[in-house]
Amino acid sequence: MEEKNESGSKGGAVGAVIGTIVLAAACGAGGWIAHDMLAKTLAEKPKDAQGGQQQQATTVSVMAVEEREYNLPEKFVAHAEAMQEVDLLPQVDGYIKEIRFKEGDIVKAGAILYVLDDERYRAVANQRKADLEAAEAEARRAKRYWERMQKADSRGITQLERDNAEAGADKAKAAVLQAKANLVVAEYDLKKAQVIAPISGQIGKTSAHVGDYVAPSKGALARIVQIDPIRVSFPLTDRAYVGWREALKKGKAPDYRMRLVLPDGSMYAGEGKWDFDDNEMSRDTATIIMRLSFPNPDRLLIPNSYVTLLTDYKTAPKLPCIPQQAVFDLVGGSQGVWVLKDDSTVEQRVVEVREMDKGWTPVVSGLKLGEKVVISGIGKLAPGMKVTEVDPTANADIDPNFKGDKE
């Protein structure tokens, strides 16, 4: 038993040694295999010009800067106001005998609106006519007397009598002038017993009715506002105003189109014409009020209401434009684009642009016509990176007439 155990122990030790040798050989073989595979992988990977590992070129879509029509309207908060407005005040006192309009009517200039009881004024006018006739009769008598005194023999009358006759004639002439003036006043009061519309427009609510006693000191009877045409005013900044005036001086003022958006969001049918600009700049807002005239036959524009004014060009100008998706924000608030260079690398460039219109953004500075800008894959780019250029996919952002894929 002891010999067997000893022999078995020896056999186990020999087996362990052999197993260790085999394992070591296997590990060594595996290491060489792995090393060989890694070497092949590195050998297959191309190196760049600087001796480092070259990455695969990024695929991007690009579009060239091109001229396109740009006519984005500028918006202003505008205020509708009547061109003319008047408060109807009675110019004489009296009781209202008749009202010849309905509240809210469109009245014409010269129309009789209120009739006052004029019996008293008519009587005064008749009295003043009689006074004038009496004064004229006295003036004729005094004139004849003065003429006789001039022809009379100087031995029969004294100089004092001649002077008195002359003075009597002059006094009679003055009395005629006074009587005429009194008659004018009386006839004026009689005429003003009727309140007449001084302008055409819409009349509002009346503050007095038939039988009411009215007087100039009691305030207005009603108010008339002109509504067709109507005026629309809006504020223009001092800088824009100076530019507009400079363009006028050079004869290069643009031909603007003036349109309105009503409070319900609908477009107003009529177009406005320039009326006049104010004569003072606001000290608080550095703006000046510009005024336009609009036809208003349907009375959709109400005085003191607010509307949105849209100003653009009657003939749209062409400007260098790029797709909106090419523009991105930079640190500090400026904006930039990626420009594709002739060697298929990209560079980042700061640009100044205007507000987008129909997916396209006008470029004020930083780009030239024909230069290519990246419109997709922007987030993967870095300055100097090699890119592969592909045509952009058709979409509504770069083509407003795009209708989608056809079936």
Protein backbone atom coordinates (compact mmCIF):
# COMPACT_ATOMS: atom_id res chain seq x y z
CA MET A 1 0.00 0.00 0.00
CA GLU A 2 2.73 2.39 0.85
CA GLU A 3 4.55 1.61 -2.44
CA LYS A 4 1.33 2.23 -4.40
CA ASN A 5 0.70 5.52 -2.69
CA GLU A 6 4.24 6.62 -3.29
CA SER A 7 4.02 5.55 -6.93
CA GLY A 8 0.67 7.39 -7.31
CA SER A 9 2.08 10.52 -5.74
CA LYS A 10 4.98 10.49 -8.12
CA GLY A 11 2.62 10.01 -11.07
CA GLY A 12 0.47 12.99 -9.94
CA ALA A 13 3.51 15.26 -9.67
CA VAL A 14 4.70 14.29 -13.13
CA GLY A 15 1.17 15.02 -14.53
CA ALA A 16 1.11 18.46 -12.91
CA VAL A 17 4.47 19.37 -14.42
CA ILE A 18 3.37 18.25 -17.88
CA GLY A 19 0.06 20.22 -17.54
CA THR A 20 1.98 23.35 -16.61
CA ILE A 21 4.24 23.02 -19.63
CA VAL A 22 1.29 22.49 -21.98
CA LEU A 23 -0.58 25.51 -20.54
CA ALA A 24 2.43 27.74 -20.90
CA ALA A 25 2.86 26.64 -24.48
CA ALA A 26 -0.78 27.35 -25.22
CA CYS A 27 -0.60 30.84 -23.69
CA GLY A 28 2.50 31.59 -25.67
CA ALA A 29 0.88 30.48 -28.88
CA GLY A 30 -2.24 32.56 -28.14
CA GLY A 31 -0.13 35.66 -27.47
CA TRP A 32 1.69 35.31 -30.76
CA ILE A 33 -1.63 34.88 -32.57
CA ALA A 34 -3.13 38.01 -30.92
CA HIS A 35 0.04 39.96 -31.61
CA ASP A 36 -0.06 38.92 -35.25
CA MET A 37 -3.72 39.97 -35.60
CA LEU A 38 -3.09 43.39 -34.01
CA ALA A 39 -0.12 43.94 -36.29
CA LYS A 40 -2.23 43.14 -39.33
CA THR A 41 -4.98 45.56 -38.16
CA LEU A 42 -2.55 48.40 -37.67
CA ALA A 43 -0.87 47.63 -40.94
CA GLU A 44 -4.21 47.85 -42.79
CA LYS A 45 -5.12 51.26 -41.27
CA PRO A 46 -3.77 54.13 -43.48
CA LYS A 47 -1.72 56.90 -41.99
CA ASP A 48 -2.21 60.64 -42.64
CA ALA A 49 0.39 63.03 -44.00
CA GLN A 50 1.69 63.82 -40.51
CA GLY A 51 2.28 60.18 -39.65
CA GLY A 52 -0.84 59.88 -37.44
CA GLN A 53 -3.98 57.85 -38.06
CA GLN A 54 -6.34 59.37 -40.70
CA GLN A 55 -10.08 59.51 -39.95
CA GLN A 56 -12.75 58.94 -42.59
CA ALA A 57 -13.89 62.25 -44.27
CA THR A 58 -17.21 63.65 -42.98
CA THR A 59 -20.04 63.77 -45.51
CA VAL A 60 -21.84 67.16 -45.69
CA SER A 61 -24.43 68.85 -47.88
CA VAL A 62 -23.56 72.26 -49.26
CA MET A 63 -25.25 75.04 -51.21
CA ALA A 64 -23.82 78.08 -52.95
CA VAL A 65 -24.63 81.68 -52.01
CA GLU A 66 -27.14 82.85 -54.62
CA GLU A 67 -29.22 85.91 -55.41
CA ARG A 68 -32.88 85.58 -54.51
CA GLU A 69 -35.80 87.96 -54.15
CA TYR A 70 -36.11 89.20 -50.58
CA ASN A 71 -39.21 91.13 -49.56
CA LEU A 72 -39.85 90.42 -45.90
CA PRO A 73 -42.31 93.06 -44.62
CA GLU A 74 -41.28 95.25 -41.71
CA LYS A 75 -43.97 95.40 -39.04
CA PHE A 76 -45.12 98.42 -37.04
CA VAL A 77 -47.82 98.92 -34.43
CA ALA A 78 -49.95 101.64 -36.05
CA HIS A 79 -52.81 103.83 -34.87
CA ALA A 80 -55.84 104.82 -36.93
CA GLU A 81 -56.98 108.42 -36.58
CA ALA A 82 -59.49 110.69 -38.26
CA MET A 83 -58.10 113.22 -40.72
CA GLN A 84 -60.68 115.75 -39.52
CA GLU A 85 -62.89 115.84 -36.46
CA VAL A 86 -65.13 118.57 -35.10
CA ASP A 87 -67.34 119.17 -32.09
CA LEU A 88 -70.67 120.79 -32.98
CA LEU A 89 -71.22 123.80 -30.71
CA PRO A 90 -74.30 126.05 -30.91
CA GLN A 91 -73.24 129.63 -31.62
CA VAL A 92 -76.47 131.12 -30.22
CA ASP A 93 -78.72 130.06 -27.39
CA GLY A 94 -82.27 128.81 -27.76
CA TYR A 95 -84.57 125.83 -27.65
CA ILE A 96 -84.06 122.95 -30.12
CA LYS A 97 -87.02 122.80 -32.50
CA GLU A 98 -85.83 120.06 -34.87
CA ILE A 99 -83.04 117.46 -35.29
CA ARG A 100 -82.44 116.40 -38.89
CA PHE A 101 -80.14 113.38 -38.53
CA LYS A 102 -79.96 109.98 -36.90
CA GLU A 103 -77.12 109.17 -34.56
CA GLY A 104 -74.38 107.33 -36.44
CA ASP A 105 -75.36 108.74 -39.84
CA ILE A 106 -72.87 109.75 -42.50
CA VAL A 107 -73.51 113.48 -42.96
CA LYS A 108 -72.35 115.79 -45.74
CA ALA A 109 -70.69 119.15 -45.25
CA GLY A 110 -73.31 121.93 -45.33
CA ALA A 111 -76.19 119.72 -44.12
CA ILE A 112 -78.53 121.25 -41.52
CA LEU A 113 -78.32 119.13 -38.35
CA TYR A 114 -80.09 121.15 -35.60
CA VAL A 115 -82.77 123.85 -35.94
CA LEU A 116 -83.30 126.21 -33.00
CA ASP A 117 -86.35 128.31 -32.33
CA ASP A 118 -85.44 131.44 -34.34
CA GLU A 119 -88.51 133.66 -33.75
CA ARG A 120 -86.62 136.03 -31.47
CA TYR A 121 -83.65 136.30 -33.86
CA ARG A 122 -85.93 136.90 -36.83
CA ALA A 123 -87.69 139.73 -35.00
CA VAL A 124 -84.36 141.34 -34.14
CA ALA A 125 -83.23 141.07 -37.76
CA ASN A 126 -86.44 142.77 -38.96
CA GLN A 127 -85.95 145.55 -36.42
CA ARG A 128 -82.38 146.09 -37.63
CA LYS A 129 -83.61 146.32 -41.22
CA ALA A 130 -86.07 149.03 -40.19
CA ASP A 131 -83.34 150.90 -38.32
CA LEU A 132 -81.16 150.81 -41.43
CA GLU A 133 -83.94 152.18 -43.64
CA ALA A 134 -84.57 155.04 -41.18
CA ALA A 135 -80.87 155.84 -41.01
CA GLU A 136 -80.58 155.89 -44.79
CA ALA A 137 -83.60 158.23 -45.05
CA GLU A 138 -82.07 160.61 -42.52
CA ALA A 139 -78.76 160.48 -44.37
CA ARG A 140 -80.47 161.46 -47.63
CA ARG A 141 -82.26 164.40 -45.94
CA ALA A 142 -79.04 165.62 -44.28
CA LYS A 143 -77.16 165.39 -47.57
CA ARG A 144 -79.80 167.50 -49.38
CA TYR A 145 -79.72 170.13 -46.63
CA TRP A 146 -75.94 170.33 -46.80
CA GLU A 147 -76.05 170.73 -50.58
CA ARG A 148 -78.58 173.63 -50.27
CA MET A 149 -76.41 175.32 -47.68
CA GLN A 150 -73.47 175.20 -50.06
CA LYS A 151 -75.49 176.88 -52.84
CA ALA A 152 -77.06 179.53 -50.62
CA ASP A 153 -75.92 183.19 -50.70
CA SER A 154 -73.21 183.75 -48.12
CA ARG A 155 -75.00 186.94 -47.03
CA GLY A 156 -78.09 184.96 -46.01
CA ILE A 157 -76.49 182.29 -43.76
CA THR A 158 -73.67 182.21 -41.31
CA GLN A 159 -70.59 179.99 -41.35
CA LEU A 160 -71.87 178.25 -38.24
CA GLU A 161 -74.99 177.14 -40.08
CA ARG A 162 -72.87 175.74 -42.90
CA ASP A 163 -70.70 173.83 -40.40
CA ASN A 164 -73.74 172.38 -38.63
CA ALA A 165 -75.23 171.21 -41.94
CA GLU A 166 -71.97 169.51 -42.87
CA ALA A 167 -71.73 167.84 -39.46
CA GLY A 168 -75.34 166.68 -39.71
CA ALA A 169 -74.64 165.02 -43.06
CA ASP A 170 -71.53 163.25 -41.70
CA LYS A 171 -73.43 162.06 -38.62
CA ALA A 172 -76.21 160.67 -40.77
CA LYS A 173 -73.69 158.72 -42.87
CA ALA A 174 -72.18 157.22 -39.69
CA ALA A 175 -75.64 156.23 -38.48
CA VAL A 176 -76.16 154.31 -41.72
CA LEU A 177 -72.91 152.40 -41.21
CA GLN A 178 -73.92 151.57 -37.64
CA ALA A 179 -77.34 150.36 -38.76
CA LYS A 180 -75.74 148.14 -41.40
CA ALA A 181 -73.43 146.58 -38.81
CA ASN A 182 -76.33 145.91 -36.46
CA LEU A 183 -78.23 144.21 -39.28
CA VAL A 184 -75.24 141.98 -40.10
CA VAL A 185 -75.08 140.81 -36.47
CA ALA A 186 -78.81 140.18 -36.36
CA GLU A 187 -78.77 138.20 -39.60
CA TYR A 188 -75.76 136.22 -38.38
CA ASP A 189 -77.60 135.25 -35.19
CA LEU A 190 -80.62 134.26 -37.26
CA LYS A 191 -78.46 132.13 -39.53
CA LYS A 192 -76.72 130.45 -36.59
CA ALA A 193 -80.06 129.31 -35.22
CA GLN A 194 -79.35 126.40 -37.56
CA VAL A 195 -76.36 124.13 -36.71
CA ILE A 196 -74.72 123.08 -39.98
CA ALA A 197 -72.17 120.27 -40.55
CA PRO A 198 -68.78 121.91 -41.29
CA ILE A 199 -67.25 118.65 -42.64
CA SER A 200 -68.42 115.34 -44.08
CA GLY A 201 -68.14 112.31 -41.83
CA GLN A 202 -69.91 110.13 -39.31
CA ILE A 203 -71.85 111.86 -36.57
CA GLY A 204 -72.00 110.34 -33.13
CA LYS A 205 -74.40 110.52 -30.21
CA THR A 206 -76.32 113.75 -29.67
CA SER A 207 -76.17 115.32 -26.21
CA ALA A 208 -79.38 117.36 -26.68
CA HIS A 209 -82.85 116.60 -27.95
CA VAL A 210 -85.91 118.46 -29.23
CA GLY A 211 -87.10 120.91 -26.57
CA ASP A 212 -83.74 121.20 -24.80
CA TYR A 213 -82.31 124.66 -24.19
CA VAL A 214 -78.79 124.92 -25.58
CA ALA A 215 -76.09 127.58 -25.47
CA PRO A 216 -72.41 127.87 -26.44
CA SER A 217 -71.39 127.62 -22.79
CA LYS A 218 -73.18 124.29 -22.35
CA GLY A 219 -70.78 122.30 -24.53
CA ALA A 220 -70.92 120.33 -27.76
CA LEU A 221 -74.13 118.95 -29.20
CA ALA A 222 -72.44 116.10 -31.12
CA ARG A 223 -69.14 115.12 -32.77
CA ILE A 224 -68.33 114.45 -36.43
CA VAL A 225 -65.26 112.47 -37.53
CA GLN A 226 -64.07 112.02 -41.08
CA ILE A 227 -63.61 108.30 -41.77
CA ASP A 228 -62.98 108.08 -45.53
CA PRO A 229 -60.17 108.51 -46.19
CA ILE A 230 -58.61 107.77 -42.82
CA ARG A 231 -55.12 108.36 -41.49
CA VAL A 232 -52.82 105.71 -39.99
CA SER A 233 -49.79 106.83 -37.97
CA PHE A 234 -46.75 104.86 -36.83
CA PRO A 235 -43.40 105.66 -35.13
CA LEU A 236 -40.14 105.59 -37.12
CA THR A 237 -36.76 105.56 -35.36
CA ASP A 238 -34.48 108.56 -35.72
CA ARG A 239 -31.88 106.47 -37.55
CA ALA A 240 -34.38 105.10 -40.07
CA TYR A 241 -35.87 108.57 -40.56
CA VAL A 242 -32.49 110.09 -41.37
CA GLY A 243 -31.80 107.29 -43.86
CA TRP A 244 -35.18 107.85 -45.51
CA ARG A 245 -34.59 111.60 -45.77
CA GLU A 246 -31.12 111.05 -47.24
CA ALA A 247 -32.60 108.71 -49.85
CA LEU A 248 -35.24 111.33 -50.73
CA LYS A 249 -32.54 113.96 -51.15
CA LYS A 250 -30.62 111.71 -53.54
CA GLY A 251 -33.77 110.74 -55.43
CA LYS A 252 -33.31 107.07 -54.48
CA ALA A 253 -36.19 106.59 -52.07
CA PRO A 254 -37.56 103.02 -52.39
CA ASP A 255 -41.06 102.46 -53.68
CA TYR A 256 -42.73 101.04 -50.59
CA ARG A 257 -45.97 99.12 -50.39
CA MET A 258 -48.06 99.95 -47.29
CA ARG A 259 -50.57 97.34 -46.11
CA LEU A 260 -52.52 96.72 -42.92
CA VAL A 261 -53.43 93.70 -40.82
CA LEU A 262 -56.73 94.20 -39.00
CA PRO A 263 -57.23 93.23 -35.33
CA ASP A 264 -58.88 89.93 -36.41
CA GLY A 265 -55.74 88.95 -38.36
CA SER A 266 -57.17 89.55 -41.83
CA MET A 267 -55.45 91.66 -44.49
CA TYR A 268 -56.97 95.04 -45.26
CA ALA A 269 -57.86 95.43 -48.94
CA GLY A 270 -56.63 98.98 -49.56
CA GLU A 271 -53.03 100.19 -49.75
CA GLY A 272 -51.80 103.36 -48.09
CA LYS A 273 -50.13 106.48 -49.46
CA TRP A 274 -47.66 108.68 -47.65
CA ASP A 275 -49.45 111.69 -46.12
CA PHE A 276 -46.89 113.59 -44.03
CA ASP A 277 -44.33 113.18 -41.26
CA ASP A 278 -44.47 115.00 -37.95
CA ASN A 279 -42.41 118.12 -37.26
CA GLU A 280 -40.89 116.95 -33.96
CA MET A 281 -38.94 113.93 -32.73
CA SER A 282 -40.06 112.37 -29.45
CA ARG A 283 -37.50 113.14 -26.76
CA ASP A 284 -38.49 110.03 -24.78
CA THR A 285 -38.50 107.39 -27.55
CA ALA A 286 -36.26 108.95 -30.25
CA THR A 287 -38.98 108.31 -32.83
CA ILE A 288 -40.97 110.50 -35.19
CA ILE A 289 -44.59 109.92 -36.17
CA MET A 290 -45.19 109.11 -39.85
CA ARG A 291 -48.70 109.35 -41.27
CA LEU A 292 -50.31 107.46 -44.14
CA SER A 293 -53.67 107.86 -45.87
CA PHE A 294 -55.89 104.83 -46.51
CA PRO A 295 -59.23 104.59 -48.32
CA ASN A 296 -61.93 103.45 -45.91
CA PRO A 297 -65.22 103.02 -47.82
CA ASP A 298 -66.37 100.05 -45.71
CA ARG A 299 -65.48 101.73 -42.38
CA LEU A 300 -63.31 98.80 -41.29
CA LEU A 301 -60.74 101.24 -39.92
CA ILE A 302 -62.08 103.00 -36.84
CA PRO A 303 -60.44 106.14 -35.41
CA ASN A 304 -58.36 105.37 -32.28
CA SER A 305 -58.09 101.65 -33.13
CA TYR A 306 -54.75 99.82 -33.43
CA VAL A 307 -53.64 97.86 -36.49
CA THR A 308 -50.43 96.24 -37.74
CA LEU A 309 -48.67 98.06 -40.57
CA LEU A 310 -46.65 95.99 -43.07
CA THR A 311 -44.13 97.83 -45.23
CA ASP A 312 -42.26 96.11 -48.05
CA TYR A 313 -41.19 96.86 -51.62
CA LYS A 314 -43.54 96.98 -54.60
CA THR A 315 -40.70 95.45 -56.61
CA ALA A 316 -38.75 92.95 -54.51
CA PRO A 317 -34.95 93.49 -54.58
CA LYS A 318 -32.51 90.61 -55.08
CA LEU A 319 -29.97 89.92 -52.33
CA PRO A 320 -27.28 87.25 -51.76
CA CYS A 321 -28.98 84.53 -49.69
CA ILE A 322 -28.17 81.21 -48.01
CA PRO A 323 -30.46 78.54 -46.49
CA GLN A 324 -31.40 79.29 -42.90
CA GLN A 325 -30.00 75.95 -41.64
CA ALA A 326 -26.48 77.03 -42.63
CA VAL A 327 -26.42 79.75 -39.96
CA PHE A 328 -25.54 78.98 -36.33
CA ASP A 329 -24.92 81.06 -33.21
CA LEU A 330 -21.42 81.79 -31.97
CA VAL A 331 -20.17 82.67 -28.52
CA GLY A 332 -20.68 86.38 -27.90
CA GLY A 333 -23.92 86.71 -29.85
CA SER A 334 -22.56 86.78 -33.40
CA GLN A 335 -23.51 84.27 -36.10
CA GLY A 336 -21.40 82.06 -38.30
CA VAL A 337 -21.35 79.55 -41.15
CA TRP A 338 -19.05 76.74 -42.35
CA VAL A 339 -17.56 77.57 -45.74
CA LEU A 340 -16.31 74.81 -48.07
CA LYS A 341 -12.91 75.72 -49.52
CA ASP A 342 -11.41 74.58 -52.83
CA ASP A 343 -9.27 71.92 -51.11
CA SER A 344 -12.39 70.23 -49.65
CA THR A 345 -11.69 71.54 -46.15
CA VAL A 346 -14.01 73.78 -44.15
CA GLU A 347 -13.47 77.05 -42.35
CA GLN A 348 -15.68 78.80 -39.84
CA ARG A 349 -16.63 82.37 -40.81
CA VAL A 350 -18.52 85.14 -39.00
CA VAL A 351 -21.38 86.61 -41.04
CA GLU A 352 -23.94 89.37 -40.67
CA VAL A 353 -27.40 88.33 -41.82
CA ARG A 354 -30.93 89.67 -41.93
CA GLU A 355 -34.17 88.03 -40.83
CA MET A 356 -35.13 84.82 -42.63
CA ASP A 357 -37.81 84.88 -45.33
CA LYS A 358 -39.26 81.63 -46.72
CA GLY A 359 -36.32 79.55 -45.48
CA TRP A 360 -33.62 81.83 -46.90
CA THR A 361 -31.45 84.32 -45.04
CA PRO A 362 -29.95 87.40 -46.76
CA VAL A 363 -26.24 87.91 -46.13
CA VAL A 364 -25.15 91.45 -45.33
CA SER A 365 -21.42 90.71 -45.00
CA GLY A 366 -18.98 87.79 -44.67
CA LEU A 367 -19.81 85.85 -47.87
CA LYS A 368 -19.60 86.30 -51.63
CA LEU A 369 -21.89 85.07 -54.36
CA GLY A 370 -20.96 81.55 -55.41
CA GLU A 371 -19.19 80.53 -52.18
CA LYS A 372 -20.45 77.24 -50.77
CA VAL A 373 -21.77 76.87 -47.23
CA VAL A 374 -22.50 73.67 -45.32
CA ILE A 375 -26.19 73.08 -44.58
CA SER A 376 -26.04 69.60 -42.99
CA GLY A 377 -23.57 67.80 -40.72
CA ILE A 378 -22.59 71.10 -39.10
CA GLY A 379 -22.28 69.64 -35.59
CA LYS A 380 -19.45 67.25 -36.65
CA LEU A 381 -17.18 69.86 -38.20
CA ALA A 382 -13.96 71.46 -37.02
CA PRO A 383 -11.73 74.04 -38.73
CA GLY A 384 -9.55 72.51 -41.44
CA MET A 385 -11.45 69.23 -41.50
CA LYS A 386 -11.67 67.34 -44.80
CA VAL A 387 -15.23 66.75 -45.95
CA THR A 388 -17.00 64.94 -48.74
CA GLU A 389 -19.53 67.07 -50.58
CA VAL A 390 -22.95 65.66 -51.48
CA ASP A 391 -26.03 67.26 -52.98
CA PRO A 392 -28.65 68.43 -50.45
CA THR A 393 -31.84 66.44 -50.02
CA ALA A 394 -34.90 68.26 -51.39
CA ASN A 395 -36.99 69.71 -48.58
CA ALA A 396 -39.30 72.60 -47.84
CA ASP A 397 -36.56 74.57 -46.02
CA ILE A 398 -34.54 75.15 -49.20
CA ASP A 399 -37.41 74.98 -51.68
CA PRO A 400 -40.71 76.68 -50.65
CA ASN A 401 -42.45 74.91 -53.56
CA PHE A 402 -41.40 71.45 -52.36
CA LYS A 403 -44.46 69.12 -52.22
CA GLY A 404 -42.85 66.02 -50.74
CA ASP A 405 -41.97 62.71 -52.37
CA LYS A 406 -44.22 61.71 -55.23
CA GLU A 407 -45.80 58.27 -54.99
